[in-house]
C-alpha cells in the first residue's frame, strides 16, 4: 500500500486569515525532521488589511517559509530583514533562541494582500538543538522540468539535484507543479516521506490525494505522482528521529525542562528584541494551539 496514513489538518484563525495545521497531530508528531506543517491560502484580504504576526520566540528548531503567492516581511532579533516572495526560501534557525515577526509589506496592504503558501518547522538533531541562531534566504534553488511537470527543490537532494539551502539532518522538501497529464516519480531514499496536495488534483499510484491532507507514504516504496487536470503538491520528509521531541506553543525541544525555561525567559523579557519591530509582542498563551501529545 502506497499510503500508510492521512492527517486531516486543523484550521486555526489568525486574525484576517486562516491556516491549516497538519503537524503536530495526535496521530503523529513528525515526518522526518518536520514537526510543524502549516498551509495557508489562497486568500485575498481587503485593501488596508494584512498579516501582522507580532514578535514571538522560538527555540531548538528551524522555520521554513515558502510562498506560492504574495509577500511577507520577515524581521528577527539577529537584525535580519527579508521580504519573502514566491521562488525563494526563508530558513530561520532558532537554536538557542530567536525572536521574529511576520507582516505584510506596505505595498501589499494597499492593494489587498494575497496569502498562499507553507510554513514548516524542522526540529534540530540531538547535539545541535542549542546551536547559534542564524538566518538565510535562498533564491538559487534547482528546478527539475519534464513534460507537463516542474519541481522546485527547496531543501535536500531530489531527482539528481541538490538545493543549496542549509540542512541539519537529512531533509527533502519540494514544490511540484503538475500540468494536465503530468507525472513524476517520487524517490524512495528518505526514511519518512509525505505529500500535501495544495491545489488542483493529483493521485499517487491511482490513489487520489485529498486537498490539504498530509498523506504519509510507505517507506522505501517507489511511486508515481500524477494529475489529469493539473495540481500543486508539496513533498517533504527525511531522516527519522529516534529521540522524542516535545512541542509547546512556539517551542520545540527534546527536554520539557528546556521548554519550561523558554516560557519563563519569554515572560521575564530575557529574549532579545526585534530591531524595527520592538513595540509589540505575543504573550505566552494559557492554552497554546500547538502542542505535541504523549
Protein backbone atom coordinates (compact mmCIF):
# COMPACT_ATOMS: atom_id res chain seq x y z
CA UNK A 1 0.00 0.00 0.00
CA UNK A 2 1.48 3.36 -1.08
CA UNK A 3 -0.27 5.46 1.58
CA UNK A 4 0.14 4.45 5.22
CA UNK A 5 -1.53 7.41 6.99
CA UNK A 6 -3.57 10.53 6.25
CA UNK A 7 -3.64 13.53 8.57
CA UNK A 8 -6.51 15.98 8.16
CA UNK A 9 -5.35 19.46 9.23
CA UNK A 10 -6.98 21.52 11.96
CA UNK A 11 -7.99 25.03 10.85
CA UNK A 12 -6.93 27.95 13.06
CA UNK A 13 -7.98 31.59 12.71
CA UNK A 14 -5.11 34.09 12.72
CA UNK A 15 -6.88 37.40 12.56
CA UNK A 16 -7.98 38.05 8.98
CA UNK A 17 -6.88 34.71 7.57
CA UNK A 18 -6.82 31.00 8.38
CA UNK A 19 -4.11 28.34 8.48
CA UNK A 20 -4.46 24.58 8.17
CA UNK A 21 -2.19 22.77 10.65
CA UNK A 22 -1.37 19.14 9.80
CA UNK A 23 1.51 18.62 12.25
CA UNK A 24 1.86 18.08 15.12
CA UNK A 25 -1.21 15.85 15.39
CA UNK A 26 -2.46 13.35 17.94
CA UNK A 27 -1.80 10.56 15.48
CA UNK A 28 1.71 11.67 14.55
CA UNK A 29 4.22 14.28 15.69
CA UNK A 30 6.84 14.24 12.92
CA UNK A 31 7.63 13.24 9.33
CA UNK A 32 11.41 13.13 9.09
CA UNK A 33 12.64 16.33 10.76
CA UNK A 34 9.35 18.17 10.01
CA UNK A 35 7.46 18.71 13.28
CA UNK A 36 5.10 21.51 12.22
CA UNK A 37 3.28 21.84 8.88
CA UNK A 38 1.02 24.82 8.20
CA UNK A 39 -0.68 25.60 4.89
CA UNK A 40 -2.45 28.90 4.25
CA UNK A 41 -4.48 30.36 1.39
CA UNK A 42 -5.20 31.01 -1.31
CA UNK A 43 -6.70 34.14 0.26
CA UNK A 44 -7.02 37.78 -0.73
CA UNK A 45 -7.66 40.32 2.02
CA UNK A 46 -9.39 43.66 1.69
CA UNK A 47 -7.21 46.72 0.93
CA UNK A 48 -5.65 48.06 4.12
CA UNK A 49 -5.62 44.71 5.87
CA UNK A 50 -2.74 42.29 6.16
CA UNK A 51 -0.73 39.73 8.09
CA UNK A 52 0.56 41.01 11.44
CA UNK A 53 2.25 38.22 13.37
CA UNK A 54 3.83 40.18 16.22
CA UNK A 55 7.30 39.31 17.57
CA UNK A 56 7.40 35.87 19.19
CA UNK A 57 10.17 33.44 20.25
CA UNK A 58 11.41 30.03 19.10
CA UNK A 59 13.98 27.55 20.40
CA UNK A 60 15.62 24.31 19.17
CA UNK A 61 14.09 24.41 15.67
CA UNK A 62 14.39 25.99 12.23
CA UNK A 63 11.44 27.62 10.45
CA UNK A 64 10.99 27.33 6.69
CA UNK A 65 8.69 29.76 4.86
CA UNK A 66 7.69 29.08 1.25
CA UNK A 67 5.16 31.12 -0.75
CA UNK A 68 3.15 30.34 -3.87
CA UNK A 69 1.64 33.85 -3.99
CA UNK A 70 2.04 37.11 -2.06
CA UNK A 71 4.83 38.57 0.06
CA UNK A 72 5.76 38.66 3.76
CA UNK A 73 8.23 40.93 5.56
CA UNK A 74 10.41 38.94 7.95
CA UNK A 75 12.36 40.60 10.78
CA UNK A 76 14.26 38.84 13.54
CA UNK A 77 16.37 39.52 16.60
CA UNK A 78 19.60 38.97 14.65
CA UNK A 79 18.73 42.13 12.71
CA UNK A 80 17.77 40.16 9.58
CA UNK A 81 15.19 41.62 7.21
CA UNK A 82 13.78 39.84 4.18
CA UNK A 83 10.71 40.26 2.00
CA UNK A 84 9.72 36.68 1.24
CA UNK A 85 8.35 36.13 -2.28
CA UNK A 86 7.47 33.08 -4.37
CA UNK A 87 10.50 31.12 -5.52
CA UNK A 88 12.72 31.92 -2.54
CA UNK A 89 13.03 30.10 0.76
CA UNK A 90 13.48 31.74 4.15
CA UNK A 91 15.26 29.49 6.66
CA UNK A 92 15.45 30.85 10.20
CA UNK A 93 17.40 28.73 12.67
CA UNK A 94 16.27 29.38 16.24
CA UNK A 95 18.81 27.16 18.01
CA UNK A 96 19.38 28.58 21.49
CA UNK A 97 16.69 31.23 20.92
CA UNK A 98 15.45 33.79 18.42
CA UNK A 99 12.52 36.22 18.09
CA UNK A 100 10.87 37.21 14.80
CA UNK A 101 7.83 38.89 13.30
CA UNK A 102 5.97 38.38 10.03
CA UNK A 103 3.98 41.21 8.48
CA UNK A 104 2.52 42.23 5.14
CA UNK A 105 4.63 44.76 3.20
CA UNK A 106 3.10 48.24 2.88
CA UNK A 107 2.58 47.91 -0.89
CA UNK A 108 0.73 44.62 -0.41
CA UNK A 109 -1.59 46.18 2.18
CA UNK A 110 -2.60 48.98 -0.16
CA UNK A 111 -3.76 46.59 -2.87
CA UNK A 112 -5.12 43.90 -0.56
CA UNK A 113 -2.60 41.15 0.27
CA UNK A 114 -2.56 37.68 -1.25
CA UNK A 115 -1.67 34.75 1.00
CA UNK A 116 -0.87 31.31 -0.36
CA UNK A 117 1.96 29.18 0.91
CA UNK A 118 3.51 26.99 3.58
CA UNK A 119 5.29 27.41 6.88
CA UNK A 120 7.04 24.41 8.35
CA UNK A 121 9.33 23.79 11.31
CA UNK A 122 12.29 21.44 11.34
CA UNK A 123 13.45 20.06 14.65
CA UNK A 124 17.21 20.25 15.15
CA UNK A 125 19.11 16.98 15.70
CA UNK A 126 20.50 15.75 19.01
CA UNK A 127 23.60 17.74 19.90
CA UNK A 128 22.59 20.68 17.68
CA UNK A 129 19.43 21.94 19.40
CA UNK A 130 21.30 24.82 21.08
CA UNK A 131 23.39 25.98 18.11
CA UNK A 132 23.71 29.70 17.42
CA UNK A 133 20.69 31.35 15.78
CA UNK A 134 21.04 32.03 12.05
CA UNK A 135 19.08 33.25 9.05
CA UNK A 136 19.34 32.67 5.31
CA UNK A 137 17.28 33.50 2.23
CA UNK A 138 17.94 31.43 -0.92
CA UNK A 139 16.72 32.03 -4.45
CA UNK A 140 19.18 29.81 -6.32
CA UNK A 141 17.05 26.71 -5.99
CA UNK A 142 17.29 23.94 -8.62
CA UNK A 143 14.35 23.34 -10.93
CA UNK A 144 13.54 19.93 -12.36
CA UNK A 145 11.48 20.10 -15.55
CA UNK A 146 9.86 17.39 -17.60
CA UNK A 147 6.95 17.34 -19.97
CA UNK A 148 3.96 18.84 -18.09
CA UNK A 149 5.89 18.94 -14.76
CA UNK A 150 8.08 21.42 -12.88
CA UNK A 151 9.55 20.69 -9.46
CA UNK A 152 11.45 23.23 -7.35
CA UNK A 153 13.80 21.64 -4.81
CA UNK A 154 13.61 23.75 -1.66
CA UNK A 155 15.81 21.58 0.59
CA UNK A 156 17.91 18.44 0.18
CA UNK A 157 18.60 16.26 -2.85
CA UNK A 158 15.90 15.02 -5.22
CA UNK A 159 15.88 13.86 -8.87
CA UNK A 160 19.67 14.19 -9.06
CA UNK A 161 19.86 17.83 -7.96
CA UNK A 162 20.61 19.36 -4.56
CA UNK A 163 19.35 22.63 -3.12
CA UNK A 164 21.98 24.89 -1.53
CA UNK A 165 19.73 25.52 1.49
CA UNK A 166 21.31 24.57 4.82
CA UNK A 167 20.12 21.29 6.33
CA UNK A 168 20.91 19.98 9.81
CA UNK A 169 19.52 16.48 9.27
CA UNK A 170 18.77 14.60 6.05
CA UNK A 171 15.84 16.60 4.65
CA UNK A 172 13.79 16.66 1.45
CA UNK A 173 11.37 19.44 0.57
CA UNK A 174 10.00 20.34 -2.87
CA UNK A 175 7.12 22.06 -4.65
CA UNK A 176 5.77 20.04 -7.56
CA UNK A 177 3.52 21.65 -10.18
CA UNK A 178 1.79 19.15 -12.46
CA UNK A 179 0.20 20.24 -15.71
CA UNK A 180 -2.64 18.28 -17.31
CA UNK A 181 -1.49 14.65 -17.76
CA UNK A 182 1.70 15.41 -15.81
CA UNK A 183 3.55 12.66 -13.93
CA UNK A 184 6.67 12.49 -11.76
CA UNK A 185 8.31 9.61 -9.84
CA UNK A 186 8.61 10.14 -6.09
CA UNK A 187 12.03 8.99 -4.90
CA UNK A 188 12.19 6.48 -2.08
CA UNK A 189 15.54 7.16 -0.39
CA UNK A 190 14.25 9.18 2.59
CA UNK A 191 13.38 7.41 5.87
CA UNK A 192 9.99 9.15 6.00
CA UNK A 193 8.02 11.00 3.32
CA UNK A 194 4.70 12.78 2.98
CA UNK A 195 2.89 14.82 0.35
CA UNK A 196 0.25 17.52 0.59
CA UNK A 197 -2.00 18.46 -2.32
CA UNK A 198 -2.35 22.26 -2.03
CA UNK A 199 -4.18 23.00 -5.27
CA UNK A 200 -5.88 21.23 -8.17
CA UNK A 201 -5.95 17.43 -8.20
CA UNK A 202 -3.39 14.64 -8.13
CA UNK A 203 -3.00 10.95 -7.32
CA UNK A 204 -0.29 8.56 -6.17
CA UNK A 205 -0.32 5.23 -7.98
CA UNK A 206 -4.02 5.80 -8.76
CA UNK A 207 -4.88 6.70 -5.15
CA UNK A 208 -6.45 10.17 -5.21
CA UNK A 209 -4.97 12.74 -2.82
CA UNK A 210 -7.31 14.79 -0.64
CA UNK A 211 -6.85 18.54 -0.80
CA UNK A 212 -4.79 19.92 2.13
CA UNK A 213 -4.45 16.47 3.74
CA UNK A 214 -0.94 15.40 4.76
CA UNK A 215 -0.50 11.99 3.19
CA UNK A 216 2.27 9.84 4.70
CA UNK A 217 3.91 7.41 2.30
CA UNK A 218 5.20 3.90 2.79
CA UNK A 219 8.98 3.92 3.40
CA UNK A 220 11.19 2.55 0.65
CA UNK A 221 8.44 2.21 -1.94
CA UNK A 222 8.79 3.78 -5.38
CA UNK A 223 5.64 5.51 -6.64
CA UNK A 224 4.46 7.98 -9.23
CA UNK A 225 2.61 11.24 -8.73
CA UNK A 226 0.12 12.05 -11.49
CA UNK A 227 -2.51 14.64 -12.37
CA UNK A 228 -5.21 14.57 -15.02
CA UNK A 229 -6.20 18.25 -14.91
CA UNK A 230 -3.21 19.80 -13.10
CA UNK A 231 -2.24 20.25 -9.47
CA UNK A 232 0.29 21.55 -6.97
CA UNK A 233 1.85 19.18 -4.41
CA UNK A 234 4.40 19.65 -1.63
CA UNK A 235 6.77 16.76 -0.92
CA UNK A 236 8.51 16.69 2.48
CA UNK A 237 10.39 14.32 4.76
CA UNK A 238 13.83 13.00 5.54
CA UNK A 239 15.68 11.40 8.42
CA UNK A 240 13.62 9.67 11.10
CA UNK A 241 14.47 10.88 14.63
CA UNK A 242 14.99 8.30 17.37
CA UNK A 243 14.73 10.82 20.22
CA UNK A 244 11.28 12.21 21.04
CA UNK A 245 10.63 15.91 20.58
CA UNK A 246 8.14 17.96 22.59
CA UNK A 247 6.21 20.95 21.27
CA UNK A 248 4.55 23.66 23.33
CA UNK A 249 3.44 26.86 21.58
CA UNK A 250 6.48 28.10 19.59
CA UNK A 251 8.98 25.98 21.48
CA UNK A 252 10.38 22.61 20.38
CA UNK A 253 12.91 20.57 22.36
CA UNK A 254 13.93 17.08 23.41
CA UNK A 255 13.69 18.41 27.00
CA UNK A 256 10.47 19.51 28.69
CA UNK A 257 12.61 21.41 31.21
CA UNK A 258 14.15 23.40 28.37
CA UNK A 259 10.68 24.38 27.15
CA UNK A 260 9.72 25.45 30.67
CA UNK A 261 12.85 27.59 30.83
CA UNK A 262 11.96 29.20 27.50
CA UNK A 263 8.48 30.04 28.82
CA UNK A 264 9.98 31.72 31.88
CA UNK A 265 12.56 33.56 29.77
CA UNK A 266 9.89 34.97 27.44
CA UNK A 267 7.66 36.07 30.31
CA UNK A 268 10.69 37.62 32.02
CA UNK A 269 11.79 39.59 28.96
CA UNK A 270 15.03 37.63 28.60
CA UNK A 271 14.80 37.05 24.84
CA UNK A 272 16.33 39.68 22.51
CA UNK A 273 14.21 42.30 20.75
CA UNK A 274 13.50 42.53 17.02
CA UNK A 275 15.12 45.69 15.61
CA UNK A 276 12.48 47.74 13.81
CA UNK A 277 9.61 45.87 15.48
CA UNK A 278 10.16 46.38 19.20
CA UNK A 279 6.84 47.80 20.41
CA UNK A 280 4.64 44.70 20.22
CA UNK A 281 4.94 41.05 21.15
CA UNK A 282 2.78 37.95 21.55
CA UNK A 283 2.29 36.97 25.21
CA UNK A 284 2.54 33.39 26.44
CA UNK A 285 -0.86 31.73 25.90
CA UNK A 286 -2.59 29.87 28.71
CA UNK A 287 -3.67 27.17 26.24
CA UNK A 288 -1.49 27.06 23.13
CA UNK A 289 -2.88 25.89 19.80
CA UNK A 290 0.30 23.98 19.01
CA UNK A 291 1.25 21.09 21.29
CA UNK A 292 2.61 17.58 20.98
CA UNK A 293 0.93 14.68 22.69
CA UNK A 294 2.30 11.95 24.99
